[in-house]
Amino acid sequence: MITGNSKLSSVQNRKTYYSIREVCAQTGLEPHVLRYWETEFPQLRPKKNRAGNRAYREKDIELIFFIKNLLYEEQYTIAGAKKKITESRQNKDIQPSEQPHEPQPQTANKETVRLAIDELKGVL
């Protein structure tokens, strides 16, 4: 038995397919959210086993994390996230995690507010 080799143990624990429950546990999302995203994002199409249950692959889970980041962290709309995913798929040499970060309108609004506060402090 080999101990202390995290690469080996992670390879041994790696599965080919994951159930929707396992994916939800990994991503922190609810099953209804994943099912909805499957209707909105054509790139997210998990296979189904003989019983009709969803069977997610590693690349499906990576895409789910990418979508989650776009929607929840970067505050993209569904339409904006679709466009971003399509762009990243067309530019295959850049992986989703390596995409250049584009400033979001909310970030720009915060900066505008900070500048206004600094100006007001100068007036007072």
Protein backbone atom coordinates (compact mmCIF):
# COMPACT_ATOMS: atom_id res chain seq x y z
CA MET A 1 0.00 0.00 0.00
CA ILE A 2 1.37 3.39 -1.01
CA THR A 3 0.77 6.27 1.38
CA GLY A 4 1.47 9.95 1.01
CA ASN A 5 1.06 9.96 -2.77
CA SER A 6 -1.82 12.35 -3.33
CA LYS A 7 -1.62 12.09 -7.14
CA LEU A 8 -2.06 8.34 -7.04
CA SER A 9 -4.91 8.47 -4.56
CA SER A 10 -6.70 11.19 -6.55
CA VAL A 11 -6.39 9.11 -9.72
CA GLN A 12 -7.70 6.04 -7.93
CA ASN A 13 -10.65 8.02 -6.54
CA ARG A 14 -11.45 9.59 -9.90
CA LYS A 15 -14.59 8.24 -11.52
CA THR A 16 -15.67 8.31 -15.14
CA TYR A 17 -19.22 9.43 -14.38
CA TYR A 18 -20.84 11.25 -11.46
CA SER A 19 -24.50 11.35 -10.43
CA ILE A 20 -26.39 14.62 -10.14
CA ARG A 21 -26.26 14.26 -6.34
CA GLU A 22 -22.44 13.93 -6.41
CA VAL A 23 -22.13 16.94 -8.71
CA CYS A 24 -24.39 18.97 -6.44
CA ALA A 25 -22.22 18.07 -3.45
CA GLN A 26 -19.07 19.15 -5.34
CA THR A 27 -20.48 22.40 -6.72
CA GLY A 28 -22.81 23.51 -3.94
CA LEU A 29 -25.71 23.79 -6.39
CA GLU A 30 -29.20 22.33 -6.20
CA PRO A 31 -30.33 19.69 -8.71
CA HIS A 32 -33.00 21.98 -10.17
CA VAL A 33 -30.31 24.56 -10.97
CA LEU A 34 -28.27 21.98 -12.91
CA ARG A 35 -31.35 20.79 -14.78
CA TYR A 36 -32.23 24.39 -15.67
CA TRP A 37 -28.69 25.11 -16.87
CA GLU A 38 -28.93 22.05 -19.12
CA THR A 39 -31.87 23.73 -20.87
CA GLU A 40 -30.05 27.07 -21.19
CA PHE A 41 -26.52 25.98 -22.08
CA PRO A 42 -26.34 23.59 -25.04
CA GLN A 43 -22.72 22.76 -24.13
CA LEU A 44 -23.92 21.16 -20.89
CA ARG A 45 -25.43 17.85 -21.94
CA PRO A 46 -24.64 15.03 -19.52
CA LYS A 47 -25.13 11.52 -20.77
CA LYS A 48 -27.91 9.43 -19.30
CA ASN A 49 -27.49 5.88 -18.09
CA ARG A 50 -29.87 3.01 -18.84
CA ALA A 51 -32.11 4.06 -15.99
CA GLY A 52 -32.33 7.60 -17.43
CA ASN A 53 -30.25 9.18 -14.67
CA ARG A 54 -27.80 11.92 -15.56
CA ALA A 55 -24.15 10.86 -15.73
CA TYR A 56 -21.78 13.84 -15.57
CA ARG A 57 -18.17 13.64 -16.77
CA GLU A 58 -15.20 15.63 -15.48
CA LYS A 59 -15.50 18.11 -18.36
CA ASP A 60 -19.20 18.62 -17.53
CA ILE A 61 -18.26 19.45 -13.95
CA GLU A 62 -15.56 21.88 -15.11
CA LEU A 63 -18.15 23.60 -17.30
CA ILE A 64 -20.58 23.78 -14.37
CA PHE A 65 -17.93 25.49 -12.22
CA PHE A 66 -17.21 27.89 -15.11
CA ILE A 67 -20.92 28.73 -15.50
CA LYS A 68 -21.29 29.12 -11.73
CA ASN A 69 -18.35 31.53 -11.66
CA LEU A 70 -19.74 33.57 -14.55
CA LEU A 71 -23.24 33.82 -13.08
CA TYR A 72 -22.56 34.10 -9.35
CA GLU A 73 -19.11 35.67 -9.05
CA GLU A 74 -18.79 37.79 -12.18
CA GLN A 75 -22.52 38.60 -12.28
CA TYR A 76 -23.06 37.71 -15.94
CA THR A 77 -26.60 37.25 -17.21
CA ILE A 78 -27.55 33.89 -18.73
CA ALA A 79 -27.20 35.44 -22.19
CA GLY A 80 -23.82 36.93 -21.31
CA ALA A 81 -22.59 33.63 -19.91
CA LYS A 82 -23.73 31.82 -23.08
CA LYS A 83 -21.77 34.30 -25.18
CA LYS A 84 -18.67 33.98 -23.00
CA ILE A 85 -18.77 30.17 -23.17
CA THR A 86 -19.20 30.27 -26.95
CA GLU A 87 -16.23 32.63 -27.23
CA SER A 88 -14.07 30.43 -25.03
CA ARG A 89 -15.04 27.35 -27.07
CA GLN A 90 -14.10 29.13 -30.29
CA ASN A 91 -10.75 30.13 -28.79
CA LYS A 92 -9.82 26.59 -27.73
CA ASP A 93 -6.22 27.40 -26.82
CA ILE A 94 -7.46 29.41 -23.82
CA GLN A 95 -9.20 27.34 -21.16
CA PRO A 96 -12.16 28.88 -19.27
CA SER A 97 -10.08 29.37 -16.12
CA GLU A 98 -7.47 31.27 -18.15
CA GLN A 99 -9.92 33.67 -19.78
CA PRO A 100 -8.92 37.31 -19.39
CA HIS A 101 -11.08 39.03 -16.80
CA GLU A 102 -13.29 41.74 -18.22
CA PRO A 103 -14.37 44.48 -15.83
CA GLN A 104 -18.02 44.20 -14.96
CA PRO A 105 -20.42 47.15 -14.78
CA GLN A 106 -20.87 46.60 -11.02
CA THR A 107 -17.12 46.96 -10.48
CA ALA A 108 -17.13 50.18 -12.49
CA ASN A 109 -20.08 51.48 -10.43
CA LYS A 110 -18.24 50.80 -7.16
CA GLU A 111 -15.21 52.67 -8.46
CA THR A 112 -17.40 55.60 -9.51
CA VAL A 113 -18.94 55.73 -6.04
CA ARG A 114 -15.49 55.64 -4.41
CA LEU A 115 -14.31 58.54 -6.58
CA ALA A 116 -17.44 60.53 -5.73
CA ILE A 117 -16.89 59.92 -2.01
CA ASP A 118 -13.27 61.05 -2.28
CA GLU A 119 -14.40 64.23 -4.08
CA LEU A 120 -17.01 64.92 -1.40
CA LYS A 121 -14.43 64.43 1.35
CA GLY A 122 -12.28 67.04 -0.38
CA VAL A 123 -15.18 69.50 -0.44
CA LEU A 124 -15.92 69.02 3.27
